[in-house]
């Protein structure tokens, strides 16, 4: 997955926006103000921090050592840093981004979740 593809995929979700609250190089993808992905799209190798169920986070780190690590500068129980350099299948990266988005949406207040369902 290229940086352009990662950015486009993150922005394809309902109400997703890109913000730069930390540095101009750090893309923060949010849904209704809540972070679901953080990356430097110019970095090599490309890495992205993604929210993850704690049990899945451990399983993924064990299954993909060196490619999926505890979230850099994040709560390591709930976030993974995923290396997007072609070694992981694009399908898996897309699933992890989608899971991150879904976890963040699930944590939103009900009224905000309902706003997302409206066209």
PDB file of N, CA and C in Angstrom:
ATOM      1  N   UNK A   1       0.852  -1.172   0.000  1.00  0.00           N
ATOM      2  CA  UNK A   1       0.000   0.000   0.000  1.00  0.00           C
ATOM      3  C   UNK A   1       0.900   1.237   0.000  1.00  0.00           C
ATOM      4  N   UNK A   2       0.607   2.137  -0.881  1.00  0.00           N
ATOM      5  CA  UNK A   2       1.383   3.369  -0.976  1.00  0.00           C
ATOM      6  C   UNK A   2       0.857   4.404   0.027  1.00  0.00           C
ATOM      7  N   UNK A   3       1.651   5.432   0.309  1.00  0.00           N
ATOM      8  CA  UNK A   3       1.146   6.495   1.180  1.00  0.00           C
ATOM      9  C   UNK A   3      -0.143   7.119   0.644  1.00  0.00           C
ATOM     10  N   UNK A   4      -0.217   7.316  -0.657  1.00  0.00           N
ATOM     11  CA  UNK A   4      -1.419   7.895  -1.266  1.00  0.00           C
ATOM     12  C   UNK A   4      -2.631   6.984  -1.052  1.00  0.00           C
ATOM     13  N   UNK A   5      -2.431   5.682  -1.210  1.00  0.00           N
ATOM     14  CA  UNK A   5      -3.525   4.725  -1.009  1.00  0.00           C
ATOM     15  C   UNK A   5      -3.958   4.678   0.455  1.00  0.00           C
ATOM     16  N   UNK A   6      -2.979   4.738   1.372  1.00  0.00           N
ATOM     17  CA  UNK A   6      -3.309   4.737   2.791  1.00  0.00           C
ATOM     18  C   UNK A   6      -4.133   5.972   3.144  1.00  0.00           C
ATOM     19  N   UNK A   7      -3.700   7.121   2.683  1.00  0.00           N
ATOM     20  CA  UNK A   7      -4.420   8.371   2.950  1.00  0.00           C
ATOM     21  C   UNK A   7      -5.843   8.290   2.391  1.00  0.00           C
ATOM     22  N   UNK A   8      -5.982   7.860   1.140  1.00  0.00           N
ATOM     23  CA  UNK A   8      -7.303   7.766   0.505  1.00  0.00           C
ATOM     24  C   UNK A   8      -8.199   6.788   1.254  1.00  0.00           C
ATOM     25  N   UNK A   9      -7.632   5.678   1.701  1.00  0.00           N
ATOM     26  CA  UNK A   9      -8.444   4.691   2.419  1.00  0.00           C
ATOM     27  C   UNK A   9      -8.912   5.259   3.755  1.00  0.00           C
ATOM     28  N   UNK A  10      -8.025   5.913   4.479  1.00  0.00           N
ATOM     29  CA  UNK A  10      -8.423   6.515   5.766  1.00  0.00           C
ATOM     30  C   UNK A  10      -9.531   7.545   5.575  1.00  0.00           C
ATOM     31  N   UNK A  11      -9.444   8.303   4.502  1.00  0.00           N
ATOM     32  CA  UNK A  11     -10.440   9.345   4.253  1.00  0.00           C
ATOM     33  C   UNK A  11     -11.734   8.807   3.647  1.00  0.00           C
ATOM     34  N   UNK A  12     -11.755   7.531   3.278  1.00  0.00           N
ATOM     35  CA  UNK A  12     -12.948   6.952   2.657  1.00  0.00           C
ATOM     36  C   UNK A  12     -14.053   6.638   3.673  1.00  0.00           C
ATOM     37  N   UNK A  13     -13.726   6.660   4.945  1.00  0.00           N
ATOM     38  CA  UNK A  13     -14.713   6.339   5.969  1.00  0.00           C
ATOM     39  C   UNK A  13     -15.626   7.530   6.234  1.00  0.00           C
ATOM     40  N   UNK A  14     -16.833   7.222   6.640  1.00  0.00           N
ATOM     41  CA  UNK A  14     -17.844   8.223   6.932  1.00  0.00           C
ATOM     42  C   UNK A  14     -17.333   9.220   7.978  1.00  0.00           C
ATOM     43  N   UNK A  15     -17.367  10.509   7.653  1.00  0.00           N
ATOM     44  CA  UNK A  15     -16.988  11.615   8.543  1.00  0.00           C
ATOM     45  C   UNK A  15     -15.498  11.649   8.882  1.00  0.00           C
ATOM     46  N   UNK A  16     -14.669  10.907   8.158  1.00  0.00           N
ATOM     47  CA  UNK A  16     -13.228  10.920   8.419  1.00  0.00           C
ATOM     48  C   UNK A  16     -12.603  12.188   7.848  1.00  0.00           C
ATOM     49  N   UNK A  17     -11.673  12.750   8.617  1.00  0.00           N
ATOM     50  CA  UNK A  17     -10.940  13.942   8.189  1.00  0.00           C
ATOM     51  C   UNK A  17      -9.467  13.760   8.520  1.00  0.00           C
ATOM     52  N   UNK A  18      -8.636  14.511   7.808  1.00  0.00           N
ATOM     53  CA  UNK A  18      -7.201  14.533   8.071  1.00  0.00           C
ATOM     54  C   UNK A  18      -6.875  15.850   8.761  1.00  0.00           C
ATOM     55  N   UNK A  19      -6.069  15.762   9.807  1.00  0.00           N
ATOM     56  CA  UNK A  19      -5.696  16.946  10.582  1.00  0.00           C
ATOM     57  C   UNK A  19      -4.189  16.880  10.836  1.00  0.00           C
ATOM     58  N   UNK A  20      -3.605  18.013  11.202  1.00  0.00           N
ATOM     59  CA  UNK A  20      -2.169  18.090  11.459  1.00  0.00           C
ATOM     60  C   UNK A  20      -1.911  18.808  12.787  1.00  0.00           C
ATOM     61  N   UNK A  21      -2.388  18.254  13.915  1.00  0.00           N
ATOM     62  CA  UNK A  21      -2.268  18.963  15.191  1.00  0.00           C
ATOM     63  C   UNK A  21      -0.853  18.943  15.792  1.00  0.00           C
ATOM     64  N   UNK A  22      -0.008  18.040  15.342  1.00  0.00           N
ATOM     65  CA  UNK A  22       1.315  17.902  15.953  1.00  0.00           C
ATOM     66  C   UNK A  22       2.398  18.579  15.125  1.00  0.00           C
ATOM     67  N   UNK A  23       2.572  18.126  13.900  1.00  0.00           N
ATOM     68  CA  UNK A  23       3.545  18.715  12.975  1.00  0.00           C
ATOM     69  C   UNK A  23       2.944  18.667  11.578  1.00  0.00           C
ATOM     70  N   UNK A  24       3.458  19.476  10.655  1.00  0.00           N
ATOM     71  CA  UNK A  24       2.938  19.422   9.281  1.00  0.00           C
ATOM     72  C   UNK A  24       3.162  18.069   8.602  1.00  0.00           C
ATOM     73  N   UNK A  25       4.087  17.272   9.126  1.00  0.00           N
ATOM     74  CA  UNK A  25       4.391  15.971   8.523  1.00  0.00           C
ATOM     75  C   UNK A  25       3.526  14.845   9.072  1.00  0.00           C
ATOM     76  N   UNK A  26       2.878  15.080  10.214  1.00  0.00           N
ATOM     77  CA  UNK A  26       2.142  14.014  10.884  1.00  0.00           C
ATOM     78  C   UNK A  26       0.654  14.115  10.572  1.00  0.00           C
ATOM     79  N   UNK A  27       0.186  13.191   9.748  1.00  0.00           N
ATOM     80  CA  UNK A  27      -1.236  13.127   9.400  1.00  0.00           C
ATOM     81  C   UNK A  27      -1.979  12.395  10.506  1.00  0.00           C
ATOM     82  N   UNK A  28      -3.017  13.033  11.017  1.00  0.00           N
ATOM     83  CA  UNK A  28      -3.874  12.436  12.029  1.00  0.00           C
ATOM     84  C   UNK A  28      -5.256  12.305  11.410  1.00  0.00           C
ATOM     85  N   UNK A  29      -5.725  11.078  11.296  1.00  0.00           N
ATOM     86  CA  UNK A  29      -7.038  10.818  10.725  1.00  0.00           C
ATOM     87  C   UNK A  29      -8.013  10.626  11.875  1.00  0.00           C
ATOM     88  N   UNK A  30      -9.117  11.388  11.826  1.00  0.00           N
ATOM     89  CA  UNK A  30     -10.087  11.408  12.911  1.00  0.00           C
ATOM     90  C   UNK A  30     -11.492  11.172  12.383  1.00  0.00           C
ATOM     91  N   UNK A  31     -12.333  10.697  13.292  1.00  0.00           N
ATOM     92  CA  UNK A  31     -13.767  10.622  13.041  1.00  0.00           C
ATOM     93  C   UNK A  31     -14.439  11.361  14.200  1.00  0.00           C
ATOM     94  N   UNK A  32     -15.180  12.395  13.869  1.00  0.00           N
ATOM     95  CA  UNK A  32     -15.847  13.241  14.855  1.00  0.00           C
ATOM     96  C   UNK A  32     -14.901  13.650  15.983  1.00  0.00           C
ATOM     97  N   UNK A  33     -13.693  14.035  15.592  1.00  0.00           N
ATOM     98  CA  UNK A  33     -12.712  14.558  16.535  1.00  0.00           C
ATOM     99  C   UNK A  33     -11.878  13.521  17.255  1.00  0.00           C
ATOM    100  N   UNK A  34     -12.118  12.244  17.001  1.00  0.00           N
ATOM    101  CA  UNK A  34     -11.377  11.175  17.685  1.00  0.00           C
ATOM    102  C   UNK A  34     -10.418  10.487  16.717  1.00  0.00           C
ATOM    103  N   UNK A  35      -9.186  10.351  17.139  1.00  0.00           N
ATOM    104  CA  UNK A  35      -8.111   9.770  16.342  1.00  0.00           C
ATOM    105  C   UNK A  35      -8.349   8.285  16.090  1.00  0.00           C
ATOM    106  N   UNK A  36      -8.187   7.864  14.820  1.00  0.00           N
ATOM    107  CA  UNK A  36      -8.188   6.424  14.534  1.00  0.00           C
ATOM    108  C   UNK A  36      -6.945   5.978  13.777  1.00  0.00           C
ATOM    109  N   UNK A  37      -6.172   6.922  13.211  1.00  0.00           N
ATOM    110  CA  UNK A  37      -4.924   6.576  12.536  1.00  0.00           C
ATOM    111  C   UNK A  37      -3.984   7.772  12.585  1.00  0.00           C
ATOM    112  N   UNK A  38      -2.694   7.481  12.771  1.00  0.00           N
ATOM    113  CA  UNK A  38      -1.687   8.527  12.838  1.00  0.00           C
ATOM    114  C   UNK A  38      -0.471   8.043  12.064  1.00  0.00           C
ATOM    115  N   UNK A  39       0.042   8.894  11.154  1.00  0.00           N
ATOM    116  CA  UNK A  39       1.161   8.475  10.319  1.00  0.00           C
ATOM    117  C   UNK A  39       1.924   9.671   9.777  1.00  0.00           C
ATOM    118  N   UNK A  40       3.160   9.423   9.390  1.00  0.00           N
ATOM    119  CA  UNK A  40       3.927  10.365   8.586  1.00  0.00           C
ATOM    120  C   UNK A  40       3.973   9.746   7.194  1.00  0.00           C
ATOM    121  N   UNK A  41       3.196  10.286   6.282  1.00  0.00           N
ATOM    122  CA  UNK A  41       3.065   9.692   4.948  1.00  0.00           C
ATOM    123  C   UNK A  41       4.349   9.777   4.128  1.00  0.00           C
ATOM    124  N   UNK A  42       5.295  10.606   4.559  1.00  0.00           N
ATOM    125  CA  UNK A  42       6.575  10.730   3.847  1.00  0.00           C
ATOM    126  C   UNK A  42       7.660   9.840   4.424  1.00  0.00           C
ATOM    127  N   UNK A  43       7.367   9.144   5.514  1.00  0.00           N
ATOM    128  CA  UNK A  43       8.374   8.319   6.184  1.00  0.00           C
ATOM    129  C   UNK A  43       8.680   7.064   5.366  1.00  0.00           C
ATOM    130  N   UNK A  44       9.899   6.592   5.530  1.00  0.00           N
ATOM    131  CA  UNK A  44      10.293   5.347   4.896  1.00  0.00           C
ATOM    132  C   UNK A  44      11.036   4.504   5.935  1.00  0.00           C
ATOM    133  N   UNK A  45      10.525   3.363   6.325  1.00  0.00           N
ATOM    134  CA  UNK A  45       9.295   2.758   5.819  1.00  0.00           C
ATOM    135  C   UNK A  45       8.058   3.474   6.367  1.00  0.00           C
ATOM    136  N   UNK A  46       6.985   3.348   5.629  1.00  0.00           N
ATOM    137  CA  UNK A  46       5.701   3.918   6.034  1.00  0.00           C
ATOM    138  C   UNK A  46       5.165   3.116   7.218  1.00  0.00           C
ATOM    139  N   UNK A  47       4.784   3.837   8.279  1.00  0.00           N
ATOM    140  CA  UNK A  47       4.197   3.205   9.463  1.00  0.00           C
ATOM    141  C   UNK A  47       2.959   3.981   9.841  1.00  0.00           C
ATOM    142  N   UNK A  48       2.004   3.280  10.453  1.00  0.00           N
ATOM    143  CA  UNK A  48       0.769   3.928  10.893  1.00  0.00           C
ATOM    144  C   UNK A  48       0.381   3.371  12.258  1.00  0.00           C
ATOM    145  N   UNK A  49       0.004   4.255  13.165  1.00  0.00           N
ATOM    146  CA  UNK A  49      -0.511   3.852  14.467  1.00  0.00           C
ATOM    147  C   UNK A  49      -2.010   3.646  14.334  1.00  0.00           C
ATOM    148  N   UNK A  50      -2.480   2.486  14.809  1.00  0.00           N
ATOM    149  CA  UNK A  50      -3.888   2.129  14.700  1.00  0.00           C
ATOM    150  C   UNK A  50      -4.394   1.575  16.021  1.00  0.00           C
ATOM    151  N   UNK A  51      -5.608   1.941  16.366  1.00  0.00           N
ATOM    152  CA  UNK A  51      -6.259   1.414  17.568  1.00  0.00           C
ATOM    153  C   UNK A  51      -6.574  -0.063  17.326  1.00  0.00           C
ATOM    154  N   UNK A  52      -6.491  -0.853  18.400  1.00  0.00           N
ATOM    155  CA  UNK A  52      -6.695  -2.289  18.249  1.00  0.00           C
ATOM    156  C   UNK A  52      -7.257  -2.859  19.551  1.00  0.00           C
ATOM    157  N   UNK A  53      -8.117  -3.849  19.443  1.00  0.00           N
ATOM    158  CA  UNK A  53      -8.569  -4.578  20.610  1.00  0.00           C
ATOM    159  C   UNK A  53      -7.332  -5.144  21.317  1.00  0.00           C
ATOM    160  N   UNK A  54      -7.222  -5.005  22.649  1.00  0.00           N
ATOM    161  CA  UNK A  54      -6.011  -5.448  23.342  1.00  0.00           C
ATOM    162  C   UNK A  54      -5.606  -6.897  23.079  1.00  0.00           C
ATOM    163  N   UNK A  55      -6.565  -7.820  23.029  1.00  0.00           N
ATOM    164  CA  UNK A  55      -6.217  -9.217  22.757  1.00  0.00           C
ATOM    165  C   UNK A  55      -5.737  -9.404  21.321  1.00  0.00           C
ATOM    166  N   UNK A  56      -6.388  -8.722  20.388  1.00  0.00           N
ATOM    167  CA  UNK A  56      -5.949  -8.792  18.995  1.00  0.00           C
ATOM    168  C   UNK A  56      -4.572  -8.158  18.831  1.00  0.00           C
ATOM    169  N   UNK A  57      -4.321  -7.081  19.572  1.00  0.00           N
ATOM    170  CA  UNK A  57      -3.033  -6.393  19.479  1.00  0.00           C
ATOM    171  C   UNK A  57      -1.892  -7.351  19.806  1.00  0.00           C
ATOM    172  N   UNK A  58      -2.039  -8.103  20.880  1.00  0.00           N
ATOM    173  CA  UNK A  58      -1.000  -9.057  21.283  1.00  0.00           C
ATOM    174  C   UNK A  58      -0.848 -10.153  20.235  1.00  0.00           C
ATOM    175  N   UNK A  59      -1.966 -10.687  19.773  1.00  0.00           N
ATOM    176  CA  UNK A  59      -1.929 -11.758  18.765  1.00  0.00           C
ATOM    177  C   UNK A  59      -1.230 -11.282  17.490  1.00  0.00           C
ATOM    178  N   UNK A  60      -1.573 -10.073  17.040  1.00  0.00           N
ATOM    179  CA  UNK A  60      -0.969  -9.540  15.814  1.00  0.00           C
ATOM    180  C   UNK A  60       0.527  -9.297  15.978  1.00  0.00           C
ATOM    181  N   UNK A  61       0.937  -8.808  17.139  1.00  0.00           N
ATOM    182  CA  UNK A  61       2.370  -8.586  17.396  1.00  0.00           C
ATOM    183  C   UNK A  61       3.132  -9.898  17.365  1.00  0.00           C
ATOM    184  N   UNK A  62       2.521 -10.959  17.911  1.00  0.00           N
ATOM    185  CA  UNK A  62       3.154 -12.275  17.898  1.00  0.00           C
ATOM    186  C   UNK A  62       3.190 -12.863  16.491  1.00  0.00           C
ATOM    187  N   UNK A  63       2.125 -12.641  15.745  1.00  0.00           N
ATOM    188  CA  UNK A  63       2.010 -13.215  14.400  1.00  0.00           C
ATOM    189  C   UNK A  63       2.903 -12.497  13.383  1.00  0.00           C
ATOM    190  N   UNK A  64       3.121 -11.179  13.580  1.00  0.00           N
ATOM    191  CA  UNK A  64       3.899 -10.382  12.631  1.00  0.00           C
ATOM    192  C   UNK A  64       5.001  -9.611  13.364  1.00  0.00           C
ATOM    193  N   UNK A  65       5.955 -10.342  13.975  1.00  0.00           N
ATOM    194  CA  UNK A  65       7.008  -9.655  14.733  1.00  0.00           C
ATOM    195  C   UNK A  65       7.831  -8.729  13.820  1.00  0.00           C
ATOM    196  N   UNK A  66       8.119  -7.556  14.332  1.00  0.00           N
ATOM    197  CA  UNK A  66       8.893  -6.584  13.572  1.00  0.00           C
ATOM    198  C   UNK A  66       8.059  -5.740  12.628  1.00  0.00           C
ATOM    199  N   UNK A  67       6.872  -6.211  12.272  1.00  0.00           N
ATOM    200  CA  UNK A  67       5.996  -5.466  11.362  1.00  0.00           C
ATOM    201  C   UNK A  67       4.821  -4.815  12.109  1.00  0.00           C
ATOM    202  N   UNK A  68       4.382  -5.454  13.183  1.00  0.00           N
ATOM    203  CA  UNK A  68       3.332  -4.890  14.035  1.00  0.00           C
ATOM    204  C   UNK A  68       3.886  -4.864  15.451  1.00  0.00           C
ATOM    205  N   UNK A  69       4.023  -3.645  15.970  1.00  0.00           N
ATOM    206  CA  UNK A  69       4.653  -3.418  17.268  1.00  0.00           C
ATOM    207  C   UNK A  69       3.711  -2.627  18.174  1.00  0.00           C
ATOM    208  N   UNK A  70       4.007  -2.612  19.480  1.00  0.00           N
ATOM    209  CA  UNK A  70       3.203  -1.751  20.361  1.00  0.00           C
ATOM    210  C   UNK A  70       3.231  -0.311  19.853  1.00  0.00           C
ATOM    211  N   UNK A  71       2.135   0.381  19.975  1.00  0.00           N
ATOM    212  CA  UNK A  71       1.984   1.724  19.429  1.00  0.00           C
ATOM    213  C   UNK A  71       3.029   2.703  19.918  1.00  0.00           C
ATOM    214  N   UNK A  72       3.762   3.277  18.992  1.00  0.00           N
ATOM    215  CA  UNK A  72       4.803   4.254  19.307  1.00  0.00           C
ATOM    216  C   UNK A  72       4.159   5.525  19.844  1.00  0.00           C
ATOM    217  N   UNK A  73       4.568   5.942  21.037  1.00  0.00           N
ATOM    218  CA  UNK A  73       4.019   7.132  21.710  1.00  0.00           C
ATOM    219  C   UNK A  73       2.517   7.038  21.955  1.00  0.00           C
ATOM    220  N   UNK A  74       2.005   5.819  22.090  1.00  0.00           N
ATOM    221  CA  UNK A  74       0.576   5.611  22.300  1.00  0.00           C
ATOM    222  C   UNK A  74       0.390   4.647  23.476  1.00  0.00           C
ATOM    223  N   UNK A  75      -0.843   4.481  23.919  1.00  0.00           N
ATOM    224  CA  UNK A  75      -1.165   3.480  24.920  1.00  0.00           C
ATOM    225  C   UNK A  75      -0.919   2.117  24.280  1.00  0.00           C
ATOM    226  N   UNK A  76       0.108   1.427  24.743  1.00  0.00           N
ATOM    227  CA  UNK A  76       0.567   0.204  24.087  1.00  0.00           C
ATOM    228  C   UNK A  76      -0.415  -0.960  24.230  1.00  0.00           C
ATOM    229  N   UNK A  77      -1.361  -0.825  25.131  1.00  0.00           N
ATOM    230  CA  UNK A  77      -2.386  -1.864  25.277  1.00  0.00           C
ATOM    231  C   UNK A  77      -3.413  -1.766  24.157  1.00  0.00           C
ATOM    232  N   UNK A  78      -3.703  -0.559  23.697  1.00  0.00           N
ATOM    233  CA  UNK A  78      -4.788  -0.327  22.747  1.00  0.00           C
ATOM    234  C   UNK A  78      -4.335   0.101  21.352  1.00  0.00           C
ATOM    235  N   UNK A  79      -3.044   0.317  21.153  1.00  0.00           N
ATOM    236  CA  UNK A  79      -2.563   0.826  19.865  1.00  0.00           C
ATOM    237  C   UNK A  79      -1.383   0.009  19.371  1.00  0.00           C
ATOM    238  N   UNK A  80      -1.358  -0.220  18.063  1.00  0.00           N
ATOM    239  CA  UNK A  80      -0.234  -0.863  17.391  1.00  0.00           C
ATOM    240  C   UNK A  80       0.364   0.085  16.368  1.00  0.00           C
ATOM    241  N   UNK A  81       1.664  -0.058  16.152  1.00  0.00           N
ATOM    242  CA  UNK A  81       2.326   0.597  15.035  1.00  0.00           C
ATOM    243  C   UNK A  81       2.527  -0.471  13.968  1.00  0.00           C
ATOM    244  N   UNK A  82       1.949  -0.220  12.807  1.00  0.00           N
ATOM    245  CA  UNK A  82       1.951  -1.185  11.709  1.00  0.00           C
ATOM    246  C   UNK A  82       2.863  -0.665  10.600  1.00  0.00           C
ATOM    247  N   UNK A  83       3.829  -1.481  10.198  1.00  0.00           N
ATOM    248  CA  UNK A  83       4.720  -1.121   9.103  1.00  0.00           C
ATOM    249  C   UNK A  83       4.044  -1.486   7.787  1.00  0.00           C
ATOM    250  N   UNK A  84       3.912  -0.477   6.940  1.00  0.00           N
ATOM    251  CA  UNK A  84       3.198  -0.635   5.666  1.00  0.00           C
ATOM    252  C   UNK A  84       4.227  -0.523   4.544  1.00  0.00           C
ATOM    253  N   UNK A  85       5.057  -1.556   4.418  1.00  0.00           N
ATOM    254  CA  UNK A  85       6.133  -1.503   3.430  1.00  0.00           C
ATOM    255  C   UNK A  85       6.018  -2.583   2.370  1.00  0.00           C
ATOM    256  N   UNK A  86       4.860  -3.229   2.310  1.00  0.00           N
ATOM    257  CA  UNK A  86       4.662  -4.268   1.309  1.00  0.00           C
ATOM    258  C   UNK A  86       4.803  -5.672   1.854  1.00  0.00           C
ATOM    259  N   UNK A  87       5.402  -5.834   3.050  1.00  0.00           N
ATOM    260  CA  UNK A  87       5.531  -7.177   3.609  1.00  0.00           C
ATOM    261  C   UNK A  87       4.202  -7.708   4.128  1.00  0.00           C
ATOM    262  N   UNK A  88       3.392  -6.826   4.707  1.00  0.00           N
ATOM    263  CA  UNK A  88       2.048  -7.224   5.126  1.00  0.00           C
ATOM    264  C   UNK A  88       1.116  -7.119   3.925  1.00  0.00           C
ATOM    265  N   UNK A  89       0.199  -8.052   3.778  1.00  0.00           N
ATOM    266  CA  UNK A  89      -0.755  -7.950   2.669  1.00  0.00           C
ATOM    267  C   UNK A  89      -1.597  -6.669   2.802  1.00  0.00           C
ATOM    268  N   UNK A  90      -1.850  -6.003   1.678  1.00  0.00           N
ATOM    269  CA  UNK A  90      -2.674  -4.789   1.690  1.00  0.00           C
ATOM    270  C   UNK A  90      -4.036  -5.057   2.309  1.00  0.00           C
ATOM    271  N   UNK A  91      -4.587  -6.224   2.070  1.00  0.00           N
ATOM    272  CA  UNK A  91      -5.891  -6.577   2.626  1.00  0.00           C
ATOM    273  C   UNK A  91      -5.858  -6.517   4.155  1.00  0.00           C
ATOM    274  N   UNK A  92      -4.773  -7.028   4.753  1.00  0.00           N
ATOM    275  CA  UNK A  92      -4.639  -7.003   6.205  1.00  0.00           C
ATOM    276  C   UNK A  92      -4.521  -5.560   6.701  1.00  0.00           C
ATOM    277  N   UNK A  93      -3.736  -4.743   6.023  1.00  0.00           N
ATOM    278  CA  UNK A  93      -3.589  -3.339   6.427  1.00  0.00           C
ATOM    279  C   UNK A  93      -4.945  -2.645   6.373  1.00  0.00           C
ATOM    280  N   UNK A  94      -5.700  -2.877   5.293  1.00  0.00           N
ATOM    281  CA  UNK A  94      -7.035  -2.271   5.189  1.00  0.00           C
ATOM    282  C   UNK A  94      -7.940  -2.742   6.331  1.00  0.00           C
ATOM    283  N   UNK A  95      -7.881  -4.032   6.673  1.00  0.00           N
ATOM    284  CA  UNK A  95      -8.690  -4.563   7.774  1.00  0.00           C
ATOM    285  C   UNK A  95      -8.314  -3.900   9.093  1.00  0.00           C
ATOM    286  N   UNK A  96      -7.023  -3.686   9.319  1.00  0.00           N
ATOM    287  CA  UNK A  96      -6.565  -3.077  10.566  1.00  0.00           C
ATOM    288  C   UNK A  96      -6.998  -1.614  10.661  1.00  0.00           C
ATOM    289  N   UNK A  97      -6.938  -0.898   9.538  1.00  0.00           N
ATOM    290  CA  UNK A  97      -7.408   0.491   9.523  1.00  0.00           C
ATOM    291  C   UNK A  97      -8.911   0.527   9.794  1.00  0.00           C
ATOM    292  N   UNK A  98      -9.648  -0.349   9.134  1.00  0.00           N
ATOM    293  CA  UNK A  98     -11.100  -0.394   9.325  1.00  0.00           C
ATOM    294  C   UNK A  98     -11.461  -0.768  10.763  1.00  0.00           C
ATOM    295  N   UNK A  99     -10.734  -1.732  11.333  1.00  0.00           N
ATOM    296  CA  UNK A  99     -10.978  -2.110  12.726  1.00  0.00           C
ATOM    297  C   UNK A  99     -10.721  -0.931  13.658  1.00  0.00           C
ATOM    298  N   UNK A 100      -9.667  -0.174  13.390  1.00  0.00           N
ATOM    299  CA  UNK A 100      -9.353   0.995  14.207  1.00  0.00           C
ATOM    300  C   UNK A 100     -10.493   2.005  14.141  1.00  0.00           C
ATOM    301  N   UNK A 101     -10.947   2.308  12.944  1.00  0.00           N
ATOM    302  CA  UNK A 101     -12.068   3.232  12.754  1.00  0.00           C
ATOM    303  C   UNK A 101     -13.304   2.725  13.518  1.00  0.00           C
ATOM    304  N   UNK A 102     -13.616   1.445  13.354  1.00  0.00           N
ATOM    305  CA  UNK A 102     -14.800   0.873  13.995  1.00  0.00           C
ATOM    306  C   UNK A 102     -14.702   0.930  15.519  1.00  0.00           C
ATOM    307  N   UNK A 103     -13.525   0.672  16.077  1.00  0.00           N
ATOM    308  CA  UNK A 103     -13.350   0.741  17.528  1.00  0.00           C
ATOM    309  C   UNK A 103     -13.564   2.161  18.040  1.00  0.00           C
ATOM    310  N   UNK A 104     -13.046   3.137  17.308  1.00  0.00           N
ATOM    311  CA  UNK A 104     -13.216   4.532  17.717  1.00  0.00           C
ATOM    312  C   UNK A 104     -14.687   4.927  17.629  1.00  0.00           C
ATOM    313  N   UNK A 105     -15.348   4.552  16.549  1.00  0.00           N
ATOM    314  CA  UNK A 105     -16.775   4.868  16.401  1.00  0.00           C
ATOM    315  C   UNK A 105     -17.584   4.207  17.516  1.00  0.00           C
ATOM    316  N   UNK A 106     -17.248   2.973  17.850  1.00  0.00           N
ATOM    317  CA  UNK A 106     -17.978   2.263  18.906  1.00  0.00           C
ATOM    318  C   UNK A 106     -17.844   2.971  20.252  1.00  0.00           C
ATOM    319  N   UNK A 107     -16.765   3.705  20.449  1.00  0.00           N
ATOM    320  CA  UNK A 107     -16.552   4.422  21.692  1.00  0.00           C
ATOM    321  C   UNK A 107     -17.192   5.798  21.743  1.00  0.00           C
ATOM    322  N   UNK A 108     -17.768   6.237  20.632  1.00  0.00           N
ATOM    323  CA  UNK A 108     -18.431   7.541  20.593  1.00  0.00           C
ATOM    324  C   UNK A 108     -19.776   7.471  21.314  1.00  0.00           C
ATOM    325  N   UNK A 109     -20.243   8.590  21.852  1.00  0.00           N
ATOM    326  CA  UNK A 109     -21.585   8.600  22.429  1.00  0.00           C
ATOM    327  C   UNK A 109     -22.624   8.199  21.375  1.00  0.00           C
ATOM    328  N   UNK A 110     -23.694   7.585  21.836  1.00  0.00           N
ATOM    329  CA  UNK A 110     -24.732   7.069  20.919  1.00  0.00           C
ATOM    330  C   UNK A 110     -25.235   8.139  19.953  1.00  0.00           C
ATOM    331  N   UNK A 111     -25.449   9.348  20.433  1.00  0.00           N
ATOM    332  CA  UNK A 111     -25.967  10.426  19.575  1.00  0.00           C
ATOM    333  C   UNK A 111     -25.002  10.717  18.426  1.00  0.00           C
ATOM    334  N   UNK A 112     -23.703  10.660  18.694  1.00  0.00           N
ATOM    335  CA  UNK A 112     -22.723  10.906  17.629  1.00  0.00           C
ATOM    336  C   UNK A 112     -22.676   9.734  16.652  1.00  0.00           C
ATOM    337  N   UNK A 113     -22.798   8.510  17.176  1.00  0.00           N
ATOM    338  CA  UNK A 113     -22.824   7.343  16.275  1.00  0.00           C
ATOM    339  C   UNK A 113     -24.025   7.429  15.343  1.00  0.00           C
ATOM    340  N   UNK A 114     -25.158   7.865  15.869  1.00  0.00           N
ATOM    341  CA  UNK A 114     -26.355   7.995  15.039  1.00  0.00           C
ATOM    342  C   UNK A 114     -26.148   9.040  13.959  1.00  0.00           C
ATOM    343  N   UNK A 115     -25.430  10.120  14.261  1.00  0.00           N
ATOM    344  CA  UNK A 115     -25.128  11.138  13.248  1.00  0.00           C
ATOM    345  C   UNK A 115     -24.354  10.557  12.070  1.00  0.00           C
ATOM    346  N   UNK A 116     -23.501   9.582  12.345  1.00  0.00           N
ATOM    347  CA  UNK A 116     -22.714   8.950  11.291  1.00  0.00           C
ATOM    348  C   UNK A 116     -23.567   8.127  10.347  1.00  0.00           C
ATOM    349  N   UNK A 117     -24.661   7.595  10.862  1.00  0.00           N
ATOM    350  CA  UNK A 117     -25.539   6.735  10.047  1.00  0.00           C
ATOM    351  C   UNK A 117     -26.413   7.518   9.088  1.00  0.00           C
ATOM    352  N   UNK A 118     -26.532   8.817   9.299  1.00  0.00           N
ATOM    353  CA  UNK A 118     -27.381   9.627   8.428  1.00  0.00           C
ATOM    354  C   UNK A 118     -26.642   9.991   7.159  1.00  0.00           C
ATOM    355  N   UNK A 119     -27.362  10.007   6.033  1.00  0.00           N
ATOM    356  CA  UNK A 119     -26.711  10.383   4.768  1.00  0.00           C
ATOM    357  C   UNK A 119     -26.377  11.863   4.719  1.00  0.00           C
TER     358      UNK A 119
END
